[in-house]
Amino acid sequence: MKIPNLFKNQFLLSAFFKGLTGLIMFLSVSVLIHFLGDKFYGIWVMILSMFQWSLFFDFGISNVLKTKIPEFIVKRDILKINEYITTSYLSTGILAFFMFIVLLILVFNINLSKFLNLHLAQDSVTSLFLINGGFFCINLVLSINKSLFIGVNKNHLSEQNSTATQLVFFILMIISIYVFRSVDGLKKLYIITLLNGVVTIVINLFYTYVFFKKYDYKFVTLKKNEFFIKNKEVLSMGLKFMIIQSFMVIIFFSDTYLISHYLAPEEISKYDVINKLFQFPLLIILSALAPFWPLFAQKFHENDFIGMNKLFSKFHNYFFLLAFGIITLGILSNYILSFWINKENYVTFLVIISVVFLTIFRILFTFYANFFNGIGKLNSQIIMMGIGAVVKIPLSIFLFNKGFGIASVMISTCLFLLISSLFLFLQTKTVINGK
């Protein structure tokens, strides 16, 4: 299949499945709030967010696959691909084991209920973290299938995985509402935790099977010294990705903790609801941008700089239309929220303006980040992410103290995304012209 046709199909299919995932998540929010209540829903979101942080500490292994598999496909080096796949699974498995050991040490030595201002018994908080942590570590390994699909330019199957997970979870959640309607909020939180973890494991296992059944790749036997050599190759690039991801944790995933600490867990619900509203179009758009990563990698190794310039031009043309659509959503957001969760004026005008520009700048930043990720030139991102990570928390705290409420974390992220996007844009010109 020619690259333009392949790209077009991946663009549409990825956007379709991501949109379907976003729609299911959109519907899930109101159901979860109704089932758990604002307090326990806020706690659920915060716990999930904290484990999402850990996804970014996988030494960049999954991102290396997205970059290196297209390169070796161009070079027709199947053995290298198999070695990278095998090394990635082994390394991630070892990492997941040690992450769970660290979790055990933390939960039994820190009063998380007090530290996170949760107002729950410490034993309950400990068990919730251990159960979620166990599921997380298992799925950290199993979810590698998503990076494999992206690497072979089948991004839509990666998105299909997420759609299937959300759909099955949503169906089981609806059933749980009727079966467990009389139990207390804490028990409902345990039920949702178990459903989410088990469903994700089953779906990841299925799509892992599909990948190895569909493609001619396989696990290969590596001797001890071969594993260490190959692991060093993976980590040489992966550590750069991990540095970027570590900074991303602070910039994008510290919000719920900051809100809980400086405001209240109930405010997390408002933050999450307005974000979920804008995540619906954002997820579709970011998914449509995801095929750029392996495509840029392929074109770069083919020295097709003219083709890359055409991709930049097309994106810039569509970007302004996307920005207009996001602004329109912002104007209508309070009307949508009143219908969605049956609450009038749920968030302030400042919060709406902040999330509108955050979404617009996130689209712009992601496109340029995909370019540099694809070609494996990561220093520019490391610099900007490092600056953003240093500034994000103190700036957010300053804005909290000035009375900006939950908009504080959004405004600080907006400033980072705007400055970073402009910087990466200029760096892109340097790379393309320098060749």
Protein backbone atom coordinates (compact mmCIF):
# COMPACT_ATOMS: atom_id res chain seq x y z
CA MET A 1 0.00 0.00 0.00
CA LYS A 2 1.34 3.45 -0.88
CA ILE A 3 2.25 5.75 1.99
CA PRO A 4 -0.44 8.40 1.23
CA ASN A 5 -3.21 5.76 1.21
CA LEU A 6 -1.81 4.06 4.29
CA PHE A 7 -1.60 7.37 6.12
CA LYS A 8 -5.11 8.37 5.09
CA ASN A 9 -6.57 5.10 6.34
CA GLN A 10 -4.69 5.25 9.62
CA PHE A 11 -5.77 8.86 10.11
CA LEU A 12 -9.46 8.07 9.68
CA LEU A 13 -9.51 4.71 11.46
CA SER A 14 -7.49 5.99 14.43
CA ALA A 15 -9.74 9.03 14.73
CA PHE A 16 -12.85 6.86 14.53
CA PHE A 17 -11.81 4.47 17.30
CA LYS A 18 -10.47 7.27 19.48
CA GLY A 19 -13.72 9.16 18.99
CA LEU A 20 -15.68 6.07 19.98
CA THR A 21 -13.45 5.65 23.04
CA GLY A 22 -13.99 9.30 23.92
CA LEU A 23 -17.76 8.95 23.57
CA ILE A 24 -17.81 5.94 25.91
CA MET A 25 -15.62 7.78 28.42
CA PHE A 26 -17.91 10.79 28.12
CA LEU A 27 -20.91 8.64 29.02
CA SER A 28 -18.96 6.83 31.75
CA VAL A 29 -18.25 10.02 33.71
CA SER A 30 -21.87 10.81 34.54
CA VAL A 31 -22.51 7.11 35.35
CA LEU A 32 -19.48 6.93 37.64
CA ILE A 33 -20.37 10.18 39.44
CA HIS A 34 -23.90 8.86 39.95
CA PHE A 35 -22.60 5.49 41.20
CA LEU A 36 -19.71 6.67 43.38
CA GLY A 37 -20.70 10.23 44.32
CA ASP A 38 -18.43 13.29 44.01
CA LYS A 39 -16.11 12.33 46.87
CA PHE A 40 -15.35 8.73 45.86
CA TYR A 41 -15.28 9.64 42.17
CA GLY A 42 -12.65 12.28 42.96
CA ILE A 43 -10.62 9.70 44.90
CA TRP A 44 -10.93 7.20 42.03
CA VAL A 45 -9.69 9.77 39.51
CA MET A 46 -6.77 10.75 41.73
CA ILE A 47 -5.63 7.15 42.29
CA LEU A 48 -5.80 6.41 38.57
CA SER A 49 -3.92 9.62 37.80
CA MET A 50 -1.12 8.71 40.19
CA PHE A 51 -0.63 5.34 38.52
CA GLN A 52 -0.75 7.00 35.12
CA TRP A 53 2.30 8.92 36.29
CA SER A 54 4.11 5.60 36.62
CA LEU A 55 3.45 4.80 32.95
CA PHE A 56 5.99 7.48 32.15
CA PHE A 57 8.73 5.71 34.13
CA ASP A 58 9.06 2.71 31.80
CA PHE A 59 12.51 3.93 30.66
CA GLY A 60 10.88 4.99 27.38
CA ILE A 61 10.84 1.38 26.19
CA SER A 62 7.42 1.58 24.50
CA ASN A 63 8.38 4.80 22.71
CA VAL A 64 11.62 3.26 21.45
CA LEU A 65 9.56 0.56 19.72
CA LYS A 66 7.45 3.22 17.97
CA THR A 67 10.61 4.84 16.64
CA LYS A 68 12.84 1.84 15.88
CA ILE A 69 10.36 -0.61 14.33
CA PRO A 70 9.61 1.72 11.34
CA GLU A 71 13.37 2.20 10.89
CA PHE A 72 14.04 -1.55 10.73
CA ILE A 73 11.02 -2.08 8.46
CA VAL A 74 12.64 0.32 5.97
CA LYS A 75 15.93 -1.60 6.35
CA ARG A 76 14.07 -4.96 6.10
CA ASP A 77 15.82 -6.20 9.24
CA ILE A 78 13.28 -8.62 10.79
CA LEU A 79 15.81 -10.07 13.24
CA LYS A 80 16.42 -6.64 14.78
CA ILE A 81 12.70 -6.11 15.22
CA ASN A 82 12.34 -9.48 16.96
CA GLU A 83 15.28 -8.70 19.24
CA TYR A 84 13.83 -5.31 20.17
CA ILE A 85 10.41 -6.85 20.89
CA THR A 86 11.91 -9.59 23.08
CA THR A 87 14.15 -7.15 24.96
CA SER A 88 11.26 -4.75 25.51
CA TYR A 89 9.03 -7.40 27.09
CA LEU A 90 11.80 -8.73 29.32
CA SER A 91 12.94 -5.29 30.44
CA THR A 92 9.41 -4.06 31.11
CA GLY A 93 8.62 -7.21 33.10
CA ILE A 94 11.66 -6.67 35.33
CA LEU A 95 10.75 -3.00 35.72
CA ALA A 96 7.14 -3.80 36.66
CA PHE A 97 8.31 -6.21 39.36
CA PHE A 98 10.57 -3.61 40.99
CA MET A 99 7.89 -0.92 40.71
CA PHE A 100 5.51 -3.09 42.70
CA ILE A 101 8.20 -3.65 45.35
CA VAL A 102 8.64 0.13 45.63
CA LEU A 103 4.85 0.52 45.93
CA LEU A 104 4.80 -1.99 48.81
CA ILE A 105 7.48 -0.04 50.63
CA LEU A 106 5.68 3.27 50.15
CA VAL A 107 2.16 2.23 51.15
CA PHE A 108 3.33 0.58 54.35
CA ASN A 109 5.50 3.51 55.40
CA ILE A 110 3.44 6.56 54.45
CA ASN A 111 0.01 7.52 55.71
CA LEU A 112 -1.44 8.09 52.24
CA SER A 113 -4.89 8.99 53.57
CA LYS A 114 -3.47 11.91 55.53
CA PHE A 115 -0.90 12.86 52.89
CA LEU A 116 -3.52 13.00 50.12
CA ASN A 117 -6.24 14.52 52.31
CA LEU A 118 -8.66 11.65 51.56
CA HIS A 119 -10.48 11.32 54.91
CA LEU A 120 -10.57 7.52 54.66
CA ALA A 121 -9.23 4.77 56.91
CA GLN A 122 -5.57 4.13 56.16
CA ASP A 123 -6.17 0.37 55.67
CA SER A 124 -8.73 1.10 52.95
CA VAL A 125 -6.40 3.51 51.16
CA THR A 126 -3.53 1.01 51.38
CA SER A 127 -5.57 -1.83 49.90
CA LEU A 128 -6.91 0.41 47.11
CA PHE A 129 -3.39 1.43 46.14
CA LEU A 130 -2.09 -2.14 46.25
CA ILE A 131 -4.92 -3.54 44.11
CA ASN A 132 -4.64 -0.75 41.55
CA GLY A 133 -0.84 -1.03 41.64
CA GLY A 134 -0.93 -4.77 40.99
CA PHE A 135 -3.23 -4.34 38.00
CA PHE A 136 -1.09 -1.48 36.75
CA CYS A 137 2.17 -3.48 36.84
CA ILE A 138 0.61 -6.40 34.95
CA ASN A 139 -0.86 -4.12 32.30
CA LEU A 140 2.40 -2.19 31.97
CA VAL A 141 3.83 -5.33 30.35
CA LEU A 142 0.72 -6.43 28.47
CA SER A 143 0.06 -2.99 26.97
CA ILE A 144 3.26 -3.17 24.91
CA ASN A 145 1.03 -4.50 22.14
CA LYS A 146 -0.16 -0.92 21.54
CA SER A 147 3.36 0.27 20.74
CA LEU A 148 3.88 -2.72 18.46
CA PHE A 149 0.78 -1.87 16.43
CA ILE A 150 1.87 1.78 16.15
CA GLY A 151 5.35 0.69 15.08
CA VAL A 152 3.97 -1.33 12.15
CA ASN A 153 1.73 1.58 11.14
CA LYS A 154 -1.48 -0.04 12.41
CA ASN A 155 -2.29 2.66 14.92
CA HIS A 156 -6.01 1.99 14.56
CA LEU A 157 -5.59 -1.43 16.21
CA SER A 158 -3.93 0.23 19.18
CA GLU A 159 -6.91 2.57 19.43
CA GLN A 160 -9.30 -0.34 18.89
CA ASN A 161 -7.77 -1.93 22.00
CA SER A 162 -8.67 1.15 24.07
CA THR A 163 -12.18 1.24 22.59
CA ALA A 164 -12.81 -2.40 23.46
CA THR A 165 -11.52 -1.87 27.01
CA GLN A 166 -13.75 1.16 27.62
CA LEU A 167 -16.80 -0.51 26.06
CA VAL A 168 -16.58 -3.71 28.12
CA PHE A 169 -15.85 -1.71 31.29
CA PHE A 170 -18.86 0.55 30.60
CA ILE A 171 -21.23 -2.41 30.09
CA LEU A 172 -20.06 -4.12 33.27
CA MET A 173 -20.30 -0.83 35.15
CA ILE A 174 -23.96 -0.41 34.11
CA ILE A 175 -24.69 -3.93 35.33
CA SER A 176 -22.91 -3.17 38.64
CA ILE A 177 -25.11 -0.14 39.26
CA TYR A 178 -28.19 -2.35 39.41
CA VAL A 179 -26.55 -5.27 41.21
CA PHE A 180 -24.65 -3.25 43.85
CA ARG A 181 -26.85 -0.17 44.20
CA SER A 182 -27.30 -0.66 47.98
CA VAL A 183 -23.62 -1.02 48.99
CA ASP A 184 -21.68 1.90 50.48
CA GLY A 185 -19.37 4.20 48.51
CA LEU A 186 -16.11 2.55 49.56
CA LYS A 187 -17.27 -0.92 48.45
CA LYS A 188 -18.43 0.57 45.15
CA LEU A 189 -14.92 1.96 44.72
CA TYR A 190 -13.46 -1.53 45.20
CA ILE A 191 -15.93 -2.91 42.62
CA ILE A 192 -14.94 -0.31 40.01
CA THR A 193 -11.26 -0.96 40.74
CA LEU A 194 -11.61 -4.70 40.14
CA LEU A 195 -13.70 -4.26 36.99
CA ASN A 196 -11.23 -1.80 35.49
CA GLY A 197 -8.18 -3.95 36.25
CA VAL A 198 -9.55 -7.30 35.09
CA VAL A 199 -11.09 -5.94 31.89
CA THR A 200 -7.85 -4.19 30.91
CA ILE A 201 -5.81 -7.37 31.45
CA VAL A 202 -8.17 -9.52 29.35
CA ILE A 203 -8.34 -7.05 26.45
CA ASN A 204 -4.55 -6.55 26.43
CA LEU A 205 -4.00 -10.31 26.35
CA PHE A 206 -6.36 -10.62 23.39
CA TYR A 207 -4.66 -7.89 21.33
CA THR A 208 -1.20 -9.24 22.16
CA TYR A 209 -2.35 -12.57 20.70
CA VAL A 210 -3.75 -10.76 17.63
CA PHE A 211 -0.44 -8.98 16.94
CA PHE A 212 1.72 -12.08 16.98
CA LYS A 213 -0.91 -14.04 15.03
CA LYS A 214 -1.20 -11.33 12.37
CA TYR A 215 2.47 -10.45 11.86
CA ASP A 216 5.59 -12.50 11.24
CA TYR A 217 7.35 -11.32 14.39
CA LYS A 218 8.18 -13.51 17.34
CA PHE A 219 10.11 -13.73 20.58
CA VAL A 220 13.69 -14.87 20.12
CA THR A 221 16.11 -16.48 22.55
CA LEU A 222 18.72 -14.06 23.84
CA LYS A 223 21.78 -15.12 25.77
CA LYS A 224 22.55 -13.17 28.92
CA ASN A 225 25.24 -11.02 27.31
CA GLU A 226 23.09 -10.50 24.20
CA PHE A 227 20.21 -9.30 26.38
CA PHE A 228 22.44 -6.80 28.17
CA ILE A 229 23.83 -5.49 24.88
CA LYS A 230 20.38 -5.16 23.34
CA ASN A 231 18.97 -3.66 26.52
CA LYS A 232 21.72 -1.05 26.46
CA GLU A 233 20.72 -0.13 22.90
CA VAL A 234 17.07 0.22 23.93
CA LEU A 235 17.89 2.26 27.03
CA SER A 236 20.30 4.58 25.22
CA MET A 237 17.31 6.14 23.49
CA GLY A 238 14.74 5.06 26.05
CA LEU A 239 16.37 7.03 28.87
CA LYS A 240 15.87 10.22 26.88
CA PHE A 241 12.22 9.34 26.43
CA MET A 242 11.98 8.60 30.15
CA ILE A 243 13.44 12.00 31.04
CA ILE A 244 10.81 13.63 28.83
CA GLN A 245 8.10 11.43 30.33
CA SER A 246 9.24 12.21 33.87
CA PHE A 247 8.85 15.90 33.17
CA MET A 248 5.45 15.19 31.60
CA VAL A 249 4.31 13.61 34.86
CA ILE A 250 4.87 16.92 36.66
CA ILE A 251 3.44 19.09 33.91
CA PHE A 252 0.35 17.10 32.91
CA PHE A 253 -0.42 14.69 35.74
CA SER A 254 0.28 16.59 38.94
CA ASP A 255 -2.96 18.57 38.64
CA THR A 256 -5.26 16.28 40.63
CA TYR A 257 -2.79 16.01 43.52
CA LEU A 258 -2.31 19.79 43.62
CA ILE A 259 -6.06 20.41 43.57
CA SER A 260 -6.63 17.83 46.31
CA HIS A 261 -3.87 19.30 48.49
CA TYR A 262 -4.60 23.00 48.05
CA LEU A 263 -8.38 22.86 47.51
CA ALA A 264 -10.40 19.67 48.20
CA PRO A 265 -11.04 16.23 46.64
CA GLU A 266 -14.50 17.44 45.58
CA GLU A 267 -12.86 20.06 43.35
CA ILE A 268 -11.16 17.24 41.44
CA SER A 269 -14.59 16.24 40.16
CA LYS A 270 -15.08 19.67 38.55
CA TYR A 271 -11.59 19.56 37.09
CA ASP A 272 -12.12 16.05 35.72
CA VAL A 273 -15.56 16.75 34.25
CA ILE A 274 -14.48 19.84 32.29
CA ASN A 275 -11.37 17.98 31.11
CA LYS A 276 -13.43 14.98 30.03
CA LEU A 277 -15.65 17.29 27.97
CA PHE A 278 -12.66 18.64 26.05
CA GLN A 279 -10.93 15.28 25.97
CA PHE A 280 -13.64 13.99 23.67
CA PRO A 281 -12.48 16.05 20.65
CA LEU A 282 -8.88 16.13 21.91
CA LEU A 283 -8.61 12.34 21.99
CA ILE A 284 -9.88 12.14 18.41
CA ILE A 285 -7.42 14.78 17.23
CA LEU A 286 -4.41 13.37 19.10
CA SER A 287 -5.20 9.92 17.80
CA ALA A 288 -5.35 11.29 14.27
CA LEU A 289 -1.91 12.84 14.90
CA ALA A 290 -0.42 9.58 16.27
CA PRO A 291 0.33 8.05 12.81
CA PHE A 292 2.65 11.01 12.18
CA TRP A 293 5.17 9.49 14.64
CA PRO A 294 6.03 6.31 12.65
CA LEU A 295 5.43 8.13 9.37
CA PHE A 296 7.99 10.84 10.22
CA ALA A 297 10.41 8.07 11.29
CA GLN A 298 9.95 6.28 7.97
CA LYS A 299 10.28 9.41 5.83
CA PHE A 300 13.32 10.57 7.79
CA HIS A 301 15.16 7.28 7.18
CA GLU A 302 14.14 7.46 3.52
CA ASN A 303 15.50 11.06 3.39
CA ASP A 304 12.12 12.26 2.10
CA PHE A 305 12.31 15.86 3.38
CA ILE A 306 9.95 17.15 0.68
CA GLY A 307 7.29 14.74 1.90
CA MET A 308 7.79 15.90 5.48
CA ASN A 309 7.38 19.54 4.48
CA LYS A 310 4.08 18.67 2.79
CA LEU A 311 2.86 17.04 6.01
CA PHE A 312 3.71 20.20 7.96
CA SER A 313 1.80 22.36 5.47
CA LYS A 314 -1.30 20.17 5.64
CA PHE A 315 -1.29 20.21 9.44
CA HIS A 316 -0.99 23.99 9.63
CA ASN A 317 -3.97 24.38 7.31
CA TYR A 318 -6.15 22.12 9.45
CA PHE A 319 -4.91 23.49 12.78
CA PHE A 320 -6.82 26.78 12.50
CA LEU A 321 -10.06 24.91 11.77
CA LEU A 322 -9.46 22.72 14.79
CA ALA A 323 -8.80 25.77 16.98
CA PHE A 324 -12.08 27.35 15.84
CA GLY A 325 -13.93 24.15 16.74
CA ILE A 326 -12.39 24.05 20.24
CA ILE A 327 -13.35 27.70 20.86
CA THR A 328 -16.91 26.93 19.78
CA LEU A 329 -17.01 24.03 22.23
CA GLY A 330 -15.84 26.41 24.95
CA ILE A 331 -18.74 28.79 24.23
CA LEU A 332 -21.23 25.92 24.49
CA SER A 333 -19.55 24.05 27.36
CA ASN A 334 -21.76 25.18 30.29
CA TYR A 335 -24.89 24.34 28.29
CA ILE A 336 -23.48 20.89 27.52
CA LEU A 337 -22.50 20.32 31.16
CA SER A 338 -25.97 21.24 32.41
CA PHE A 339 -27.42 18.58 30.11
CA TRP A 340 -24.65 16.05 30.74
CA ILE A 341 -24.43 16.04 34.55
CA ASN A 342 -27.57 18.09 35.31
CA LYS A 343 -25.67 20.89 37.08
CA GLU A 344 -25.96 24.57 36.14
CA ASN A 345 -22.81 26.74 35.85
CA TYR A 346 -20.69 23.85 37.12
CA VAL A 347 -17.39 25.61 36.31
CA THR A 348 -16.40 29.27 36.03
CA PHE A 349 -15.76 31.23 32.85
CA LEU A 350 -12.04 31.40 33.73
CA VAL A 351 -11.84 27.62 33.89
CA ILE A 352 -13.52 27.33 30.47
CA ILE A 353 -11.17 29.85 28.85
CA SER A 354 -8.17 28.10 30.40
CA VAL A 355 -9.13 24.62 29.20
CA VAL A 356 -9.93 25.96 25.69
CA PHE A 357 -6.43 27.34 25.20
CA LEU A 358 -4.84 24.38 26.96
CA THR A 359 -6.52 22.07 24.43
CA ILE A 360 -5.50 24.18 21.43
CA PHE A 361 -1.87 24.41 22.51
CA ARG A 362 -1.79 20.70 23.39
CA ILE A 363 -2.69 19.84 19.77
CA LEU A 364 0.08 22.09 18.42
CA PHE A 365 2.68 20.79 20.86
CA THR A 366 1.82 17.12 20.22
CA PHE A 367 2.27 17.45 16.47
CA TYR A 368 5.79 18.86 16.79
CA ALA A 369 6.66 16.40 19.57
CA ASN A 370 5.64 13.54 17.24
CA PHE A 371 8.09 14.85 14.64
CA PHE A 372 11.05 14.89 17.02
CA ASN A 373 10.03 11.55 18.58
CA GLY A 374 9.84 9.96 15.15
CA ILE A 375 13.29 11.08 14.01
CA GLY A 376 14.83 10.32 17.41
CA LYS A 377 16.08 13.86 18.10
CA LEU A 378 14.90 14.48 21.64
CA ASN A 379 17.20 17.13 23.14
CA SER A 380 14.89 20.04 22.27
CA GLN A 381 12.00 18.42 24.10
CA ILE A 382 14.17 17.59 27.11
CA ILE A 383 15.15 21.25 27.45
CA MET A 384 11.60 22.59 27.23
CA MET A 385 10.08 19.85 29.38
CA GLY A 386 12.73 20.43 32.04
CA ILE A 387 11.94 24.13 32.21
CA GLY A 388 8.20 23.40 32.31
CA ALA A 389 8.61 20.86 35.12
CA VAL A 390 10.58 23.32 37.25
CA VAL A 391 8.05 26.13 36.77
CA LYS A 392 4.72 24.20 36.80
CA ILE A 393 4.20 23.51 40.52
CA PRO A 394 5.42 26.83 42.00
CA LEU A 395 3.45 28.79 39.39
CA SER A 396 0.32 26.74 40.12
CA ILE A 397 0.72 27.30 43.88
CA PHE A 398 1.16 31.03 43.29
CA LEU A 399 -2.06 31.11 41.27
CA PHE A 400 -3.88 29.03 43.93
CA ASN A 401 -2.91 31.63 46.52
CA LYS A 402 -4.20 34.38 44.24
CA GLY A 403 -7.64 32.75 44.15
CA PHE A 404 -7.63 31.26 40.64
CA GLY A 405 -8.97 27.91 41.91
CA ILE A 406 -8.74 24.88 39.63
CA ALA A 407 -7.87 27.19 36.71
CA SER A 408 -4.44 27.63 38.33
CA VAL A 409 -3.08 24.30 37.05
CA MET A 410 -4.57 24.88 33.60
CA ILE A 411 -3.07 28.35 33.19
CA SER A 412 0.41 27.17 34.16
CA THR A 413 0.18 24.30 31.65
CA CYS A 414 -1.08 26.67 28.93
CA LEU A 415 1.96 28.90 29.28
CA PHE A 416 4.30 25.92 29.01
CA LEU A 417 2.55 24.50 25.92
CA LEU A 418 2.52 27.84 24.10
CA ILE A 419 6.21 28.59 24.66
CA SER A 420 7.25 24.99 23.93
CA SER A 421 5.25 24.83 20.69
CA LEU A 422 6.92 27.99 19.39
CA PHE A 423 10.35 26.67 20.36
CA LEU A 424 9.80 23.28 18.68
CA PHE A 425 8.43 25.00 15.57
CA LEU A 426 11.71 26.93 15.20
CA GLN A 427 13.75 23.78 15.87
CA THR A 428 11.77 21.93 13.20
CA LYS A 429 12.81 24.50 10.60
CA THR A 430 16.43 24.02 11.63
CA VAL A 431 16.26 20.23 11.28
CA ILE A 432 14.47 20.25 7.92
CA ASN A 433 16.69 22.91 6.39
CA GLY A 434 19.84 21.37 7.85
CA LYS A 435 18.95 17.87 6.63
